[in-house]
PDB file of N, CA and C in Angstrom:
ATOM      1  N   MET A   1      -6.431 -28.196  -5.209  1.00  0.00           N
ATOM      2  CA  MET A   1      -5.728 -27.105  -4.560  1.00  0.00           C
ATOM      3  C   MET A   1      -6.561 -26.587  -3.387  1.00  0.00           C
ATOM      4  N   ILE A   2      -5.889 -26.220  -2.323  1.00  0.00           N
ATOM      5  CA  ILE A   2      -6.600 -25.828  -1.105  1.00  0.00           C
ATOM      6  C   ILE A   2      -7.462 -24.576  -1.309  1.00  0.00           C
ATOM      7  N   THR A   3      -7.036 -23.649  -2.149  1.00  0.00           N
ATOM      8  CA  THR A   3      -7.842 -22.445  -2.359  1.00  0.00           C
ATOM      9  C   THR A   3      -9.186 -22.801  -2.991  1.00  0.00           C
ATOM     10  N   ASN A   4      -9.182 -23.782  -3.888  1.00  0.00           N
ATOM     11  CA  ASN A   4     -10.448 -24.235  -4.494  1.00  0.00           C
ATOM     12  C   ASN A   4     -11.335 -24.934  -3.469  1.00  0.00           C
ATOM     13  N   GLN A   5     -10.733 -25.784  -2.657  1.00  0.00           N
ATOM     14  CA  GLN A   5     -11.494 -26.509  -1.641  1.00  0.00           C
ATOM     15  C   GLN A   5     -12.087 -25.556  -0.616  1.00  0.00           C
ATOM     16  N   LEU A   6     -11.292 -24.575  -0.190  1.00  0.00           N
ATOM     17  CA  LEU A   6     -11.795 -23.607   0.787  1.00  0.00           C
ATOM     18  C   LEU A   6     -12.914 -22.775   0.172  1.00  0.00           C
ATOM     19  N   GLY A   7     -12.738 -22.355  -1.060  1.00  0.00           N
ATOM     20  CA  GLY A   7     -13.771 -21.585  -1.737  1.00  0.00           C
ATOM     21  C   GLY A   7     -15.079 -22.338  -1.845  1.00  0.00           C
ATOM     22  N   GLU A   8     -14.991 -23.625  -2.184  1.00  0.00           N
ATOM     23  CA  GLU A   8     -16.193 -24.454  -2.273  1.00  0.00           C
ATOM     24  C   GLU A   8     -16.857 -24.598  -0.915  1.00  0.00           C
ATOM     25  N   ARG A   9     -16.067 -24.758   0.123  1.00  0.00           N
ATOM     26  CA  ARG A   9     -16.605 -24.898   1.485  1.00  0.00           C
ATOM     27  C   ARG A   9     -17.292 -23.606   1.923  1.00  0.00           C
ATOM     28  N   ILE A  10     -16.669 -22.478   1.644  1.00  0.00           N
ATOM     29  CA  ILE A  10     -17.266 -21.193   1.996  1.00  0.00           C
ATOM     30  C   ILE A  10     -18.585 -21.012   1.254  1.00  0.00           C
ATOM     31  N   LYS A  11     -18.589 -21.332  -0.031  1.00  0.00           N
ATOM     32  CA  LYS A  11     -19.807 -21.195  -0.829  1.00  0.00           C
ATOM     33  C   LYS A  11     -20.918 -22.084  -0.279  1.00  0.00           C
ATOM     34  N   GLU A  12     -20.550 -23.306   0.090  1.00  0.00           N
ATOM     35  CA  GLU A  12     -21.527 -24.242   0.664  1.00  0.00           C
ATOM     36  C   GLU A  12     -22.154 -23.665   1.930  1.00  0.00           C
ATOM     37  N   LEU A  13     -21.324 -23.158   2.826  1.00  0.00           N
ATOM     38  CA  LEU A  13     -21.824 -22.611   4.086  1.00  0.00           C
ATOM     39  C   LEU A  13     -22.602 -21.317   3.873  1.00  0.00           C
ATOM     40  N   ARG A  14     -22.132 -20.472   2.952  1.00  0.00           N
ATOM     41  CA  ARG A  14     -22.854 -19.225   2.672  1.00  0.00           C
ATOM     42  C   ARG A  14     -24.225 -19.520   2.081  1.00  0.00           C
ATOM     43  N   SER A  15     -24.303 -20.503   1.203  1.00  0.00           N
ATOM     44  CA  SER A  15     -25.587 -20.866   0.592  1.00  0.00           C
ATOM     45  C   SER A  15     -26.607 -21.276   1.643  1.00  0.00           C
ATOM     46  N   LYS A  16     -26.143 -21.918   2.696  1.00  0.00           N
ATOM     47  CA  LYS A  16     -27.034 -22.324   3.784  1.00  0.00           C
ATOM     48  C   LYS A  16     -27.614 -21.128   4.532  1.00  0.00           C
ATOM     49  N   THR A  17     -26.917 -19.988   4.479  1.00  0.00           N
ATOM     50  CA  THR A  17     -27.427 -18.795   5.149  1.00  0.00           C
ATOM     51  C   THR A  17     -28.533 -18.138   4.335  1.00  0.00           C
ATOM     52  N   GLY A  18     -28.604 -18.469   3.051  1.00  0.00           N
ATOM     53  CA  GLY A  18     -29.607 -17.864   2.175  1.00  0.00           C
ATOM     54  C   GLY A  18     -29.203 -16.498   1.645  1.00  0.00           C
ATOM     55  N   LEU A  19     -27.972 -16.081   1.934  1.00  0.00           N
ATOM     56  CA  LEU A  19     -27.504 -14.775   1.482  1.00  0.00           C
ATOM     57  C   LEU A  19     -26.766 -14.888   0.158  1.00  0.00           C
ATOM     58  N   SER A  20     -26.933 -13.875  -0.679  1.00  0.00           N
ATOM     59  CA  SER A  20     -26.172 -13.799  -1.922  1.00  0.00           C
ATOM     60  C   SER A  20     -24.726 -13.454  -1.582  1.00  0.00           C
ATOM     61  N   GLN A  21     -23.838 -13.621  -2.561  1.00  0.00           N
ATOM     62  CA  GLN A  21     -22.449 -13.209  -2.349  1.00  0.00           C
ATOM     63  C   GLN A  21     -22.387 -11.743  -1.951  1.00  0.00           C
ATOM     64  N   GLU A  22     -23.153 -10.925  -2.643  1.00  0.00           N
ATOM     65  CA  GLU A  22     -23.119  -9.489  -2.387  1.00  0.00           C
ATOM     66  C   GLU A  22     -23.570  -9.154  -0.970  1.00  0.00           C
ATOM     67  N   LYS A  23     -24.705  -9.717  -0.551  1.00  0.00           N
ATOM     68  CA  LYS A  23     -25.217  -9.418   0.786  1.00  0.00           C
ATOM     69  C   LYS A  23     -24.296  -9.953   1.874  1.00  0.00           C
ATOM     70  N   PHE A  24     -23.734 -11.145   1.650  1.00  0.00           N
ATOM     71  CA  PHE A  24     -22.820 -11.699   2.643  1.00  0.00           C
ATOM     72  C   PHE A  24     -21.559 -10.846   2.734  1.00  0.00           C
ATOM     73  N   ALA A  25     -20.990 -10.501   1.586  1.00  0.00           N
ATOM     74  CA  ALA A  25     -19.781  -9.673   1.576  1.00  0.00           C
ATOM     75  C   ALA A  25     -20.023  -8.350   2.282  1.00  0.00           C
ATOM     76  N   LEU A  26     -21.158  -7.727   2.032  1.00  0.00           N
ATOM     77  CA  LEU A  26     -21.487  -6.480   2.720  1.00  0.00           C
ATOM     78  C   LEU A  26     -21.587  -6.689   4.228  1.00  0.00           C
ATOM     79  N   SER A  27     -22.166  -7.807   4.630  1.00  0.00           N
ATOM     80  CA  SER A  27     -22.355  -8.060   6.064  1.00  0.00           C
ATOM     81  C   SER A  27     -21.039  -8.237   6.807  1.00  0.00           C
ATOM     82  N   ILE A  28     -19.997  -8.675   6.101  1.00  0.00           N
ATOM     83  CA  ILE A  28     -18.688  -8.854   6.749  1.00  0.00           C
ATOM     84  C   ILE A  28     -17.699  -7.760   6.332  1.00  0.00           C
ATOM     85  N   GLU A  29     -18.231  -6.717   5.679  1.00  0.00           N
ATOM     86  CA  GLU A  29     -17.423  -5.570   5.262  1.00  0.00           C
ATOM     87  C   GLU A  29     -16.255  -5.985   4.373  1.00  0.00           C
ATOM     88  N   MET A  30     -16.575  -6.782   3.344  1.00  0.00           N
ATOM     89  CA  MET A  30     -15.583  -7.239   2.380  1.00  0.00           C
ATOM     90  C   MET A  30     -16.105  -6.902   0.985  1.00  0.00           C
ATOM     91  N   ASP A  31     -15.216  -6.521   0.100  1.00  0.00           N
ATOM     92  CA  ASP A  31     -15.613  -6.212  -1.269  1.00  0.00           C
ATOM     93  C   ASP A  31     -16.215  -7.451  -1.940  1.00  0.00           C
ATOM     94  N   ARG A  32     -17.337  -7.260  -2.648  1.00  0.00           N
ATOM     95  CA  ARG A  32     -18.023  -8.389  -3.259  1.00  0.00           C
ATOM     96  C   ARG A  32     -17.155  -9.096  -4.297  1.00  0.00           C
ATOM     97  N   THR A  33     -16.419  -8.349  -5.100  1.00  0.00           N
ATOM     98  CA  THR A  33     -15.602  -8.997  -6.130  1.00  0.00           C
ATOM     99  C   THR A  33     -14.457  -9.794  -5.499  1.00  0.00           C
ATOM    100  N   TYR A  34     -13.915  -9.271  -4.416  1.00  0.00           N
ATOM    101  CA  TYR A  34     -12.879 -10.010  -3.684  1.00  0.00           C
ATOM    102  C   TYR A  34     -13.466 -11.306  -3.125  1.00  0.00           C
ATOM    103  N   PHE A  35     -14.634 -11.186  -2.487  1.00  0.00           N
ATOM    104  CA  PHE A  35     -15.266 -12.362  -1.903  1.00  0.00           C
ATOM    105  C   PHE A  35     -15.616 -13.392  -2.984  1.00  0.00           C
ATOM    106  N   ALA A  36     -16.101 -12.937  -4.130  1.00  0.00           N
ATOM    107  CA  ALA A  36     -16.434 -13.847  -5.230  1.00  0.00           C
ATOM    108  C   ALA A  36     -15.196 -14.600  -5.692  1.00  0.00           C
ATOM    109  N   SER A  37     -14.058 -13.919  -5.730  1.00  0.00           N
ATOM    110  CA  SER A  37     -12.830 -14.589  -6.146  1.00  0.00           C
ATOM    111  C   SER A  37     -12.347 -15.590  -5.098  1.00  0.00           C
ATOM    112  N   VAL A  38     -12.666 -15.336  -3.830  1.00  0.00           N
ATOM    113  CA  VAL A  38     -12.352 -16.311  -2.771  1.00  0.00           C
ATOM    114  C   VAL A  38     -13.178 -17.573  -2.986  1.00  0.00           C
ATOM    115  N   GLU A  39     -14.485 -17.409  -3.192  1.00  0.00           N
ATOM    116  CA  GLU A  39     -15.359 -18.565  -3.418  1.00  0.00           C
ATOM    117  C   GLU A  39     -14.960 -19.340  -4.673  1.00  0.00           C
ATOM    118  N   ALA A  40     -14.435 -18.633  -5.664  1.00  0.00           N
ATOM    119  CA  ALA A  40     -14.015 -19.277  -6.910  1.00  0.00           C
ATOM    120  C   ALA A  40     -12.645 -19.944  -6.785  1.00  0.00           C
ATOM    121  N   GLY A  41     -11.990 -19.769  -5.637  1.00  0.00           N
ATOM    122  CA  GLY A  41     -10.689 -20.392  -5.418  1.00  0.00           C
ATOM    123  C   GLY A  41      -9.548 -19.673  -6.102  1.00  0.00           C
ATOM    124  N   ARG A  42      -9.745 -18.420  -6.457  1.00  0.00           N
ATOM    125  CA  ARG A  42      -8.712 -17.654  -7.154  1.00  0.00           C
ATOM    126  C   ARG A  42      -7.888 -16.773  -6.223  1.00  0.00           C
ATOM    127  N   ARG A  43      -8.137 -16.839  -4.940  1.00  0.00           N
ATOM    128  CA  ARG A  43      -7.407 -16.001  -3.975  1.00  0.00           C
ATOM    129  C   ARG A  43      -6.731 -16.867  -2.918  1.00  0.00           C
ATOM    130  N   ASN A  44      -5.525 -16.480  -2.586  1.00  0.00           N
ATOM    131  CA  ASN A  44      -4.815 -17.050  -1.456  1.00  0.00           C
ATOM    132  C   ASN A  44      -4.979 -16.029  -0.333  1.00  0.00           C
ATOM    133  N   ILE A  45      -6.042 -16.172   0.454  1.00  0.00           N
ATOM    134  CA  ILE A  45      -6.419 -15.121   1.385  1.00  0.00           C
ATOM    135  C   ILE A  45      -5.704 -15.248   2.728  1.00  0.00           C
ATOM    136  N   SER A  46      -5.640 -14.127   3.424  1.00  0.00           N
ATOM    137  CA  SER A  46      -4.976 -14.088   4.726  1.00  0.00           C
ATOM    138  C   SER A  46      -5.843 -14.751   5.794  1.00  0.00           C
ATOM    139  N   ILE A  47      -5.196 -15.132   6.862  1.00  0.00           N
ATOM    140  CA  ILE A  47      -5.909 -15.747   7.979  1.00  0.00           C
ATOM    141  C   ILE A  47      -6.892 -14.752   8.593  1.00  0.00           C
ATOM    142  N   CYS A  48      -6.582 -13.467   8.533  1.00  0.00           N
ATOM    143  CA  CYS A  48      -7.508 -12.455   9.067  1.00  0.00           C
ATOM    144  C   CYS A  48      -8.810 -12.456   8.279  1.00  0.00           C
ATOM    145  N   ASN A  49      -8.731 -12.561   6.963  1.00  0.00           N
ATOM    146  CA  ASN A  49      -9.944 -12.602   6.147  1.00  0.00           C
ATOM    147  C   ASN A  49     -10.669 -13.934   6.279  1.00  0.00           C
ATOM    148  N   ILE A  50      -9.919 -15.007   6.475  1.00  0.00           N
ATOM    149  CA  ILE A  50     -10.556 -16.309   6.715  1.00  0.00           C
ATOM    150  C   ILE A  50     -11.366 -16.247   8.009  1.00  0.00           C
ATOM    151  N   LYS A  51     -10.794 -15.644   9.041  1.00  0.00           N
ATOM    152  CA  LYS A  51     -11.485 -15.499  10.329  1.00  0.00           C
ATOM    153  C   LYS A  51     -12.723 -14.623  10.177  1.00  0.00           C
ATOM    154  N   LYS A  52     -12.628 -13.560   9.401  1.00  0.00           N
ATOM    155  CA  LYS A  52     -13.761 -12.671   9.160  1.00  0.00           C
ATOM    156  C   LYS A  52     -14.902 -13.439   8.489  1.00  0.00           C
ATOM    157  N   ILE A  53     -14.563 -14.283   7.527  1.00  0.00           N
ATOM    158  CA  ILE A  53     -15.574 -15.093   6.830  1.00  0.00           C
ATOM    159  C   ILE A  53     -16.189 -16.111   7.785  1.00  0.00           C
ATOM    160  N   ALA A  54     -15.348 -16.798   8.565  1.00  0.00           N
ATOM    161  CA  ALA A  54     -15.853 -17.787   9.525  1.00  0.00           C
ATOM    162  C   ALA A  54     -16.807 -17.126  10.517  1.00  0.00           C
ATOM    163  N   ASP A  55     -16.433 -15.968  11.024  1.00  0.00           N
ATOM    164  CA  ASP A  55     -17.294 -15.258  11.966  1.00  0.00           C
ATOM    165  C   ASP A  55     -18.617 -14.889  11.304  1.00  0.00           C
ATOM    166  N   GLY A  56     -18.563 -14.442  10.060  1.00  0.00           N
ATOM    167  CA  GLY A  56     -19.780 -14.085   9.338  1.00  0.00           C
ATOM    168  C   GLY A  56     -20.696 -15.274   9.104  1.00  0.00           C
ATOM    169  N   LEU A  57     -20.081 -16.453   8.992  1.00  0.00           N
ATOM    170  CA  LEU A  57     -20.853 -17.686   8.797  1.00  0.00           C
ATOM    171  C   LEU A  57     -21.265 -18.314  10.129  1.00  0.00           C
ATOM    172  N   ASN A  58     -20.814 -17.717  11.234  1.00  0.00           N
ATOM    173  CA  ASN A  58     -21.080 -18.241  12.584  1.00  0.00           C
ATOM    174  C   ASN A  58     -20.552 -19.658  12.768  1.00  0.00           C
ATOM    175  N   VAL A  59     -19.344 -19.887  12.244  1.00  0.00           N
ATOM    176  CA  VAL A  59     -18.683 -21.175  12.436  1.00  0.00           C
ATOM    177  C   VAL A  59     -17.273 -20.928  12.956  1.00  0.00           C
ATOM    178  N   SER A  60     -16.721 -21.937  13.615  1.00  0.00           N
ATOM    179  CA  SER A  60     -15.339 -21.840  14.068  1.00  0.00           C
ATOM    180  C   SER A  60     -14.409 -22.082  12.876  1.00  0.00           C
ATOM    181  N   LEU A  61     -13.141 -21.746  13.059  1.00  0.00           N
ATOM    182  CA  LEU A  61     -12.180 -22.017  11.994  1.00  0.00           C
ATOM    183  C   LEU A  61     -12.093 -23.510  11.707  1.00  0.00           C
ATOM    184  N   SER A  62     -12.157 -24.329  12.740  1.00  0.00           N
ATOM    185  CA  SER A  62     -12.090 -25.775  12.511  1.00  0.00           C
ATOM    186  C   SER A  62     -13.306 -26.259  11.738  1.00  0.00           C
ATOM    187  N   GLU A  63     -14.485 -25.704  11.996  1.00  0.00           N
ATOM    188  CA  GLU A  63     -15.685 -26.065  11.235  1.00  0.00           C
ATOM    189  C   GLU A  63     -15.552 -25.622   9.789  1.00  0.00           C
ATOM    190  N   LEU A  64     -14.985 -24.438   9.587  1.00  0.00           N
ATOM    191  CA  LEU A  64     -14.813 -23.931   8.228  1.00  0.00           C
ATOM    192  C   LEU A  64     -13.918 -24.861   7.419  1.00  0.00           C
ATOM    193  N   PHE A  65     -12.860 -25.369   8.047  1.00  0.00           N
ATOM    194  CA  PHE A  65     -11.908 -26.228   7.344  1.00  0.00           C
ATOM    195  C   PHE A  65     -12.294 -27.713   7.381  1.00  0.00           C
ATOM    196  N   SER A  66     -13.420 -28.026   7.978  1.00  0.00           N
ATOM    197  CA  SER A  66     -13.856 -29.421   8.071  1.00  0.00           C
ATOM    198  C   SER A  66     -14.010 -30.030   6.663  1.00  0.00           C
ATOM    199  N   GLY A  67     -13.359 -31.168   6.460  1.00  0.00           N
ATOM    200  CA  GLY A  67     -13.458 -31.872   5.182  1.00  0.00           C
ATOM    201  C   GLY A  67     -12.452 -31.449   4.146  1.00  0.00           C
ATOM    202  N   ILE A  68     -11.658 -30.423   4.450  1.00  0.00           N
ATOM    203  CA  ILE A  68     -10.634 -29.958   3.513  1.00  0.00           C
ATOM    204  C   ILE A  68      -9.341 -30.684   3.821  1.00  0.00           C
ATOM    205  N   GLN A  69      -8.721 -31.220   2.784  1.00  0.00           N
ATOM    206  CA  GLN A  69      -7.465 -31.962   3.000  1.00  0.00           C
ATOM    207  C   GLN A  69      -6.329 -31.346   2.270  1.00  0.00           C
TER     208      GLN A  69
END
């Protein structure tokens, strides 16, 4: 499912930043529990929140979705 794939991709990129879920969520002004559910693939998130996450990871939307089918 795409929500699981996106969550895994976000987690992979966030891990490279060295930030915890909590610190990353705070940095992009998103609730930590909401962000954790995104990484777990339990949320069908809006494009606005996807863009917020991509910006926080310093990647483009196309980079964020790279490898997701």
